[in-house]
Amino acid sequence: MRANVLAGLLWWGTLHTNVDLQGRSVDVVVDLDVEELDRRGGAVCPDRDALWAFSLLPEELPVPASAVDPCIRAALGGVSACWISYPSGFIVRHYRPPLRIAGITAARKRWQDSVHAVGIFAADAPRAIVVSEVPQSRSGIWQATRELGIGLVVDDGQRTEILHPPDRHLVRPGFELWSLAEEIYSVISTTLTTTGEPRRAVRQAL
């Protein structure tokens, strides 16, 4: 997808293509938290229990350990010190997600396959599919994408056009979204520069 289309969709960040997520290959645009990536030294947190526990604690604010539910404390057992610390009887969460998901898209030969690929991410980020020619106004693709809130983009190799943008999406609970962010980061981390700076496809929003 061209940079001007990403900007038109207001998807600011880094474009990563052919990312395997939950059994589907999609393109994702993410806004990397470079400071957080530097702090964690490239580590990934795949532990859903730990992410759940993190979501119940404030970031960088000490909480008395005695006031934290034992289930939460158990979920934090063995978590890296870069994400949690225990100063003088308190618990402090340092964790924050490594990136923000700006958008998810797919471009298959059959538009139905593209809809299927991005469909499960309705609660995670805006979604769009890319087709190679303008579909007929009464074709099923118009109805399907509008009903599902999926954006529709035409890219024929010569020009690109946003036929309709994606709807605003419902956001799932924090730790579920964080889990997907960690999954994405685990896949794309090898594509980042050695200094940790992302290879940006489009400029950052001011």
C-alpha atoms as a PDB file:
ATOM      1  CA  MET A   1       0.000   0.000   0.000  1.00  0.00           C
ATOM      2  CA  ARG A   2       1.361   3.397  -0.974  1.00  0.00           C
ATOM      3  CA  ALA A   3       2.426   5.942   1.642  1.00  0.00           C
ATOM      4  CA  ASN A   4      -0.128   8.515   0.477  1.00  0.00           C
ATOM      5  CA  VAL A   5      -2.950   6.009   1.043  1.00  0.00           C
ATOM      6  CA  LEU A   6      -1.703   5.261   4.548  1.00  0.00           C
ATOM      7  CA  ALA A   7      -1.677   8.980   5.240  1.00  0.00           C
ATOM      8  CA  GLY A   8      -5.196   9.302   3.815  1.00  0.00           C
ATOM      9  CA  LEU A   9      -6.354   6.569   6.167  1.00  0.00           C
ATOM     10  CA  LEU A  10      -4.562   8.394   9.023  1.00  0.00           C
ATOM     11  CA  TRP A  11      -2.433   5.311   9.627  1.00  0.00           C
ATOM     12  CA  TRP A  12       0.816   6.833  10.851  1.00  0.00           C
ATOM     13  CA  GLY A  13       3.798   4.590  11.499  1.00  0.00           C
ATOM     14  CA  THR A  14       5.783   1.766   9.957  1.00  0.00           C
ATOM     15  CA  LEU A  15       4.340  -0.551   7.309  1.00  0.00           C
ATOM     16  CA  HIS A  16       5.231  -4.226   7.685  1.00  0.00           C
ATOM     17  CA  THR A  17       4.050  -6.643   5.016  1.00  0.00           C
ATOM     18  CA  ASN A  18       3.201 -10.353   5.188  1.00  0.00           C
ATOM     19  CA  VAL A  19       3.045 -10.537   8.968  1.00  0.00           C
ATOM     20  CA  ASP A  20       1.690 -13.870  10.215  1.00  0.00           C
ATOM     21  CA  LEU A  21      -0.834 -13.182  12.973  1.00  0.00           C
ATOM     22  CA  GLN A  22      -3.180 -15.762  14.427  1.00  0.00           C
ATOM     23  CA  GLY A  23      -2.841 -17.966  11.368  1.00  0.00           C
ATOM     24  CA  ARG A  24      -3.379 -15.164   8.830  1.00  0.00           C
ATOM     25  CA  SER A  25      -0.906 -13.224   6.722  1.00  0.00           C
ATOM     26  CA  VAL A  26      -1.667  -9.488   6.803  1.00  0.00           C
ATOM     27  CA  ASP A  27       0.073  -6.141   6.398  1.00  0.00           C
ATOM     28  CA  VAL A  28       0.236  -4.028   9.547  1.00  0.00           C
ATOM     29  CA  VAL A  29       1.030  -0.396  10.233  1.00  0.00           C
ATOM     30  CA  VAL A  30       2.441   0.152  13.705  1.00  0.00           C
ATOM     31  CA  ASP A  31       3.715   3.102  15.697  1.00  0.00           C
ATOM     32  CA  LEU A  32       6.737   1.797  17.584  1.00  0.00           C
ATOM     33  CA  ASP A  33       7.561   3.028  21.076  1.00  0.00           C
ATOM     34  CA  VAL A  34      11.302   3.366  20.486  1.00  0.00           C
ATOM     35  CA  GLU A  35      12.002   4.421  24.080  1.00  0.00           C
ATOM     36  CA  GLU A  36      10.249   1.321  25.387  1.00  0.00           C
ATOM     37  CA  LEU A  37      12.063  -0.933  22.903  1.00  0.00           C
ATOM     38  CA  ASP A  38      15.412   0.488  24.005  1.00  0.00           C
ATOM     39  CA  ARG A  39      14.501  -0.002  27.659  1.00  0.00           C
ATOM     40  CA  ARG A  40      13.449  -3.635  27.271  1.00  0.00           C
ATOM     41  CA  GLY A  41      16.444  -4.491  25.085  1.00  0.00           C
ATOM     42  CA  GLY A  42      14.442  -6.322  22.443  1.00  0.00           C
ATOM     43  CA  ALA A  43      12.701  -8.647  24.907  1.00  0.00           C
ATOM     44  CA  VAL A  44       9.184  -9.890  24.165  1.00  0.00           C
ATOM     45  CA  CYS A  45       6.540 -10.599  26.804  1.00  0.00           C
ATOM     46  CA  PRO A  46       4.362 -13.462  25.493  1.00  0.00           C
ATOM     47  CA  ASP A  47       2.928 -14.389  28.923  1.00  0.00           C
ATOM     48  CA  ARG A  48      -0.810 -13.568  28.794  1.00  0.00           C
ATOM     49  CA  ASP A  49      -1.169 -14.021  32.554  1.00  0.00           C
ATOM     50  CA  ALA A  50       1.553 -11.455  33.162  1.00  0.00           C
ATOM     51  CA  LEU A  51      -0.047  -9.042  30.679  1.00  0.00           C
ATOM     52  CA  TRP A  52      -3.372  -9.457  32.475  1.00  0.00           C
ATOM     53  CA  ALA A  53      -1.676  -8.641  35.773  1.00  0.00           C
ATOM     54  CA  PHE A  54       0.083  -5.623  34.263  1.00  0.00           C
ATOM     55  CA  SER A  55      -3.261  -4.268  33.057  1.00  0.00           C
ATOM     56  CA  LEU A  56      -4.517  -4.153  36.652  1.00  0.00           C
ATOM     57  CA  LEU A  57      -1.591  -2.116  37.916  1.00  0.00           C
ATOM     58  CA  PRO A  58      -0.855   1.565  37.212  1.00  0.00           C
ATOM     59  CA  GLU A  59       2.261   2.348  35.229  1.00  0.00           C
ATOM     60  CA  GLU A  60       5.239   3.588  37.265  1.00  0.00           C
ATOM     61  CA  LEU A  61       3.172   4.123  40.434  1.00  0.00           C
ATOM     62  CA  PRO A  62       4.077   2.146  43.581  1.00  0.00           C
ATOM     63  CA  VAL A  63       1.258  -0.036  44.937  1.00  0.00           C
ATOM     64  CA  PRO A  64       1.581  -1.682  48.380  1.00  0.00           C
ATOM     65  CA  ALA A  65       2.223  -5.380  47.761  1.00  0.00           C
ATOM     66  CA  SER A  66      -0.172  -6.232  50.584  1.00  0.00           C
ATOM     67  CA  ALA A  67      -2.982  -4.486  48.674  1.00  0.00           C
ATOM     68  CA  VAL A  68      -2.442  -6.502  45.496  1.00  0.00           C
ATOM     69  CA  ASP A  69      -4.612  -9.586  44.996  1.00  0.00           C
ATOM     70  CA  PRO A  70      -2.665 -12.844  45.459  1.00  0.00           C
ATOM     71  CA  CYS A  71      -3.760 -13.979  41.987  1.00  0.00           C
ATOM     72  CA  ILE A  72      -2.128 -10.902  40.495  1.00  0.00           C
ATOM     73  CA  ARG A  73       1.055 -11.447  42.487  1.00  0.00           C
ATOM     74  CA  ALA A  74       1.150 -15.073  41.352  1.00  0.00           C
ATOM     75  CA  ALA A  75       0.806 -14.032  37.714  1.00  0.00           C
ATOM     76  CA  LEU A  76       3.791 -11.727  38.153  1.00  0.00           C
ATOM     77  CA  GLY A  77       6.040 -14.498  39.431  1.00  0.00           C
ATOM     78  CA  GLY A  78       9.140 -14.854  37.314  1.00  0.00           C
ATOM     79  CA  VAL A  79       8.468 -11.710  35.266  1.00  0.00           C
ATOM     80  CA  SER A  80      11.562  -9.863  34.105  1.00  0.00           C
ATOM     81  CA  ALA A  81      12.796  -7.007  36.272  1.00  0.00           C
ATOM     82  CA  CYS A  82      12.564  -4.695  33.260  1.00  0.00           C
ATOM     83  CA  TRP A  83       8.761  -4.903  33.558  1.00  0.00           C
ATOM     84  CA  ILE A  84       8.143  -5.106  37.310  1.00  0.00           C
ATOM     85  CA  SER A  85      10.022  -4.184  40.483  1.00  0.00           C
ATOM     86  CA  TYR A  86       9.434  -4.570  44.221  1.00  0.00           C
ATOM     87  CA  PRO A  87      10.943  -1.617  46.127  1.00  0.00           C
ATOM     88  CA  SER A  88      10.438  -1.747  49.922  1.00  0.00           C
ATOM     89  CA  GLY A  89       7.189  -3.697  50.033  1.00  0.00           C
ATOM     90  CA  PHE A  90       5.691  -2.073  46.960  1.00  0.00           C
ATOM     91  CA  ILE A  91       5.019  -3.299  43.428  1.00  0.00           C
ATOM     92  CA  VAL A  92       5.806  -1.009  40.489  1.00  0.00           C
ATOM     93  CA  ARG A  93       4.795  -1.827  36.914  1.00  0.00           C
ATOM     94  CA  HIS A  94       7.267  -0.594  34.323  1.00  0.00           C
ATOM     95  CA  TYR A  95       5.691  -2.500  31.460  1.00  0.00           C
ATOM     96  CA  ARG A  96       4.087  -0.754  28.550  1.00  0.00           C
ATOM     97  CA  PRO A  97       3.297  -2.188  25.105  1.00  0.00           C
ATOM     98  CA  PRO A  98       6.057  -1.969  22.482  1.00  0.00           C
ATOM     99  CA  LEU A  99       3.844  -0.483  19.798  1.00  0.00           C
ATOM    100  CA  ARG A 100       0.445   0.889  18.840  1.00  0.00           C
ATOM    101  CA  ILE A 101      -1.416  -0.835  16.015  1.00  0.00           C
ATOM    102  CA  ALA A 102      -2.468   1.863  13.540  1.00  0.00           C
ATOM    103  CA  GLY A 103      -4.110  -0.374  10.932  1.00  0.00           C
ATOM    104  CA  ILE A 104      -4.331  -3.863   9.444  1.00  0.00           C
ATOM    105  CA  THR A 105      -4.832  -4.579   5.758  1.00  0.00           C
ATOM    106  CA  ALA A 106      -4.739  -7.368   3.183  1.00  0.00           C
ATOM    107  CA  ALA A 107      -4.633  -7.645  -0.605  1.00  0.00           C
ATOM    108  CA  ARG A 108      -5.627 -11.048  -1.977  1.00  0.00           C
ATOM    109  CA  LYS A 109      -6.652 -12.080  -5.480  1.00  0.00           C
ATOM    110  CA  ARG A 110     -10.153 -12.741  -4.147  1.00  0.00           C
ATOM    111  CA  TRP A 111     -11.553  -9.871  -2.113  1.00  0.00           C
ATOM    112  CA  GLN A 112     -13.421 -12.382   0.056  1.00  0.00           C
ATOM    113  CA  ASP A 113     -10.058 -13.781   1.186  1.00  0.00           C
ATOM    114  CA  SER A 114      -8.904 -10.275   2.095  1.00  0.00           C
ATOM    115  CA  VAL A 115     -12.035  -9.706   4.184  1.00  0.00           C
ATOM    116  CA  HIS A 116     -11.461 -13.047   5.895  1.00  0.00           C
ATOM    117  CA  ALA A 117      -7.838 -12.182   6.642  1.00  0.00           C
ATOM    118  CA  VAL A 118      -8.570  -8.879   8.408  1.00  0.00           C
ATOM    119  CA  GLY A 119     -11.983  -9.786   9.785  1.00  0.00           C
ATOM    120  CA  ILE A 120     -10.900 -11.127  13.175  1.00  0.00           C
ATOM    121  CA  PHE A 121      -9.059  -7.920  14.077  1.00  0.00           C
ATOM    122  CA  ALA A 122     -12.182  -5.767  14.421  1.00  0.00           C
ATOM    123  CA  ALA A 123     -11.460  -5.038  18.090  1.00  0.00           C
ATOM    124  CA  ASP A 124      -7.765  -4.369  17.569  1.00  0.00           C
ATOM    125  CA  ALA A 125      -7.348  -1.712  14.893  1.00  0.00           C
ATOM    126  CA  PRO A 126      -8.939  -0.110  11.830  1.00  0.00           C
ATOM    127  CA  ARG A 127      -8.962  -2.525   8.876  1.00  0.00           C
ATOM    128  CA  ALA A 128      -8.907  -2.117   5.102  1.00  0.00           C
ATOM    129  CA  ILE A 129      -8.584  -4.310   2.037  1.00  0.00           C
ATOM    130  CA  VAL A 130      -6.896  -3.450  -1.264  1.00  0.00           C
ATOM    131  CA  VAL A 131      -8.276  -4.386  -4.701  1.00  0.00           C
ATOM    132  CA  SER A 132      -6.709  -3.850  -8.135  1.00  0.00           C
ATOM    133  CA  GLU A 133      -9.716  -2.278  -9.865  1.00  0.00           C
ATOM    134  CA  VAL A 134     -12.791  -0.280  -8.957  1.00  0.00           C
ATOM    135  CA  PRO A 135     -15.597  -2.755  -8.247  1.00  0.00           C
ATOM    136  CA  GLN A 136     -19.089  -2.334  -9.654  1.00  0.00           C
ATOM    137  CA  SER A 137     -21.245  -0.196  -7.403  1.00  0.00           C
ATOM    138  CA  ARG A 138     -23.676  -3.036  -6.723  1.00  0.00           C
ATOM    139  CA  SER A 139     -21.111  -5.771  -6.215  1.00  0.00           C
ATOM    140  CA  GLY A 140     -20.952  -7.706  -2.949  1.00  0.00           C
ATOM    141  CA  ILE A 141     -17.648  -6.152  -1.939  1.00  0.00           C
ATOM    142  CA  TRP A 142     -19.263  -2.767  -1.308  1.00  0.00           C
ATOM    143  CA  GLN A 143     -21.941  -4.198   0.957  1.00  0.00           C
ATOM    144  CA  ALA A 144     -19.618  -6.575   2.796  1.00  0.00           C
ATOM    145  CA  THR A 145     -16.923  -4.028   3.593  1.00  0.00           C
ATOM    146  CA  ARG A 146     -19.405  -1.350   4.645  1.00  0.00           C
ATOM    147  CA  GLU A 147     -21.350  -3.729   6.884  1.00  0.00           C
ATOM    148  CA  LEU A 148     -18.141  -4.962   8.527  1.00  0.00           C
ATOM    149  CA  GLY A 149     -16.606  -1.502   8.850  1.00  0.00           C
ATOM    150  CA  ILE A 150     -13.646  -2.430   6.637  1.00  0.00           C
ATOM    151  CA  GLY A 151     -12.086   0.238   4.446  1.00  0.00           C
ATOM    152  CA  LEU A 152     -11.885  -0.295   0.679  1.00  0.00           C
ATOM    153  CA  VAL A 153      -8.869   0.871  -1.313  1.00  0.00           C
ATOM    154  CA  VAL A 154      -8.110   0.575  -5.043  1.00  0.00           C
ATOM    155  CA  ASP A 155      -4.485   0.284  -6.168  1.00  0.00           C
ATOM    156  CA  ASP A 156      -4.085  -0.588  -9.860  1.00  0.00           C
ATOM    157  CA  GLY A 157      -0.350   0.055  -9.975  1.00  0.00           C
ATOM    158  CA  GLN A 158      -0.822   3.512 -11.482  1.00  0.00           C
ATOM    159  CA  ARG A 159      -3.008   5.240  -8.931  1.00  0.00           C
ATOM    160  CA  THR A 160      -4.543   4.624  -5.560  1.00  0.00           C
ATOM    161  CA  GLU A 161      -7.905   5.717  -4.243  1.00  0.00           C
ATOM    162  CA  ILE A 162      -9.742   5.273  -0.965  1.00  0.00           C
ATOM    163  CA  LEU A 163     -13.294   4.304  -1.940  1.00  0.00           C
ATOM    164  CA  HIS A 164     -14.441   4.396   1.655  1.00  0.00           C
ATOM    165  CA  PRO A 165     -12.439   4.537   4.905  1.00  0.00           C
ATOM    166  CA  PRO A 166     -12.709   2.006   7.736  1.00  0.00           C
ATOM    167  CA  ASP A 167     -15.182   2.635  10.524  1.00  0.00           C
ATOM    168  CA  ARG A 168     -14.084   3.480  14.024  1.00  0.00           C
ATOM    169  CA  HIS A 169     -13.344   0.192  15.768  1.00  0.00           C
ATOM    170  CA  LEU A 170     -14.274  -1.154  19.170  1.00  0.00           C
ATOM    171  CA  VAL A 171     -11.240  -1.643  21.385  1.00  0.00           C
ATOM    172  CA  ARG A 172     -10.779  -4.878  23.291  1.00  0.00           C
ATOM    173  CA  PRO A 173      -9.519  -4.981  26.933  1.00  0.00           C
ATOM    174  CA  GLY A 174      -5.972  -3.782  27.417  1.00  0.00           C
ATOM    175  CA  PHE A 175      -4.167  -7.039  28.021  1.00  0.00           C
ATOM    176  CA  GLU A 176      -5.723  -8.672  24.937  1.00  0.00           C
ATOM    177  CA  LEU A 177      -4.555  -5.806  22.763  1.00  0.00           C
ATOM    178  CA  TRP A 178      -1.163  -5.860  24.479  1.00  0.00           C
ATOM    179  CA  SER A 179      -0.889  -9.575  23.713  1.00  0.00           C
ATOM    180  CA  LEU A 180      -1.434  -8.897  20.003  1.00  0.00           C
ATOM    181  CA  ALA A 181       1.071  -6.030  20.124  1.00  0.00           C
ATOM    182  CA  GLU A 182       3.664  -8.375  21.623  1.00  0.00           C
ATOM    183  CA  GLU A 183       2.897 -10.973  18.939  1.00  0.00           C
ATOM    184  CA  ILE A 184       3.390  -8.383  16.208  1.00  0.00           C
ATOM    185  CA  TYR A 185       6.612  -7.173  17.778  1.00  0.00           C
ATOM    186  CA  SER A 186       7.972 -10.707  18.008  1.00  0.00           C
ATOM    187  CA  VAL A 187       7.428 -11.078  14.242  1.00  0.00           C
ATOM    188  CA  ILE A 188       8.724  -7.695  13.060  1.00  0.00           C
ATOM    189  CA  SER A 189      11.613  -7.218  15.483  1.00  0.00           C
ATOM    190  CA  THR A 190      14.077  -8.688  12.987  1.00  0.00           C
ATOM    191  CA  THR A 191      13.152  -5.988  10.465  1.00  0.00           C
ATOM    192  CA  LEU A 192      14.196  -3.117  12.736  1.00  0.00           C
ATOM    193  CA  THR A 193      17.549  -1.381  12.389  1.00  0.00           C
ATOM    194  CA  THR A 194      20.406  -2.318  14.678  1.00  0.00           C
ATOM    195  CA  THR A 195      19.973   0.942  16.587  1.00  0.00           C
ATOM    196  CA  GLY A 196      16.341   0.132  17.344  1.00  0.00           C
ATOM    197  CA  GLU A 197      15.038   2.865  15.065  1.00  0.00           C
ATOM    198  CA  PRO A 198      12.131   1.740  12.864  1.00  0.00           C
ATOM    199  CA  ARG A 199      12.347   1.842   9.094  1.00  0.00           C
ATOM    200  CA  ARG A 200       9.433   4.203   8.613  1.00  0.00           C
ATOM    201  CA  ALA A 201       7.214   3.927   5.546  1.00  0.00           C
ATOM    202  CA  VAL A 202       5.454   7.239   6.179  1.00  0.00           C
ATOM    203  CA  ARG A 203       6.226  10.270   8.285  1.00  0.00           C
ATOM    204  CA  GLN A 204       4.992  10.548  11.826  1.00  0.00           C
ATOM    205  CA  ALA A 205       1.986  12.746  12.519  1.00  0.00           C
ATOM    206  CA  LEU A 206       2.896  16.030  14.142  1.00  0.00           C
END
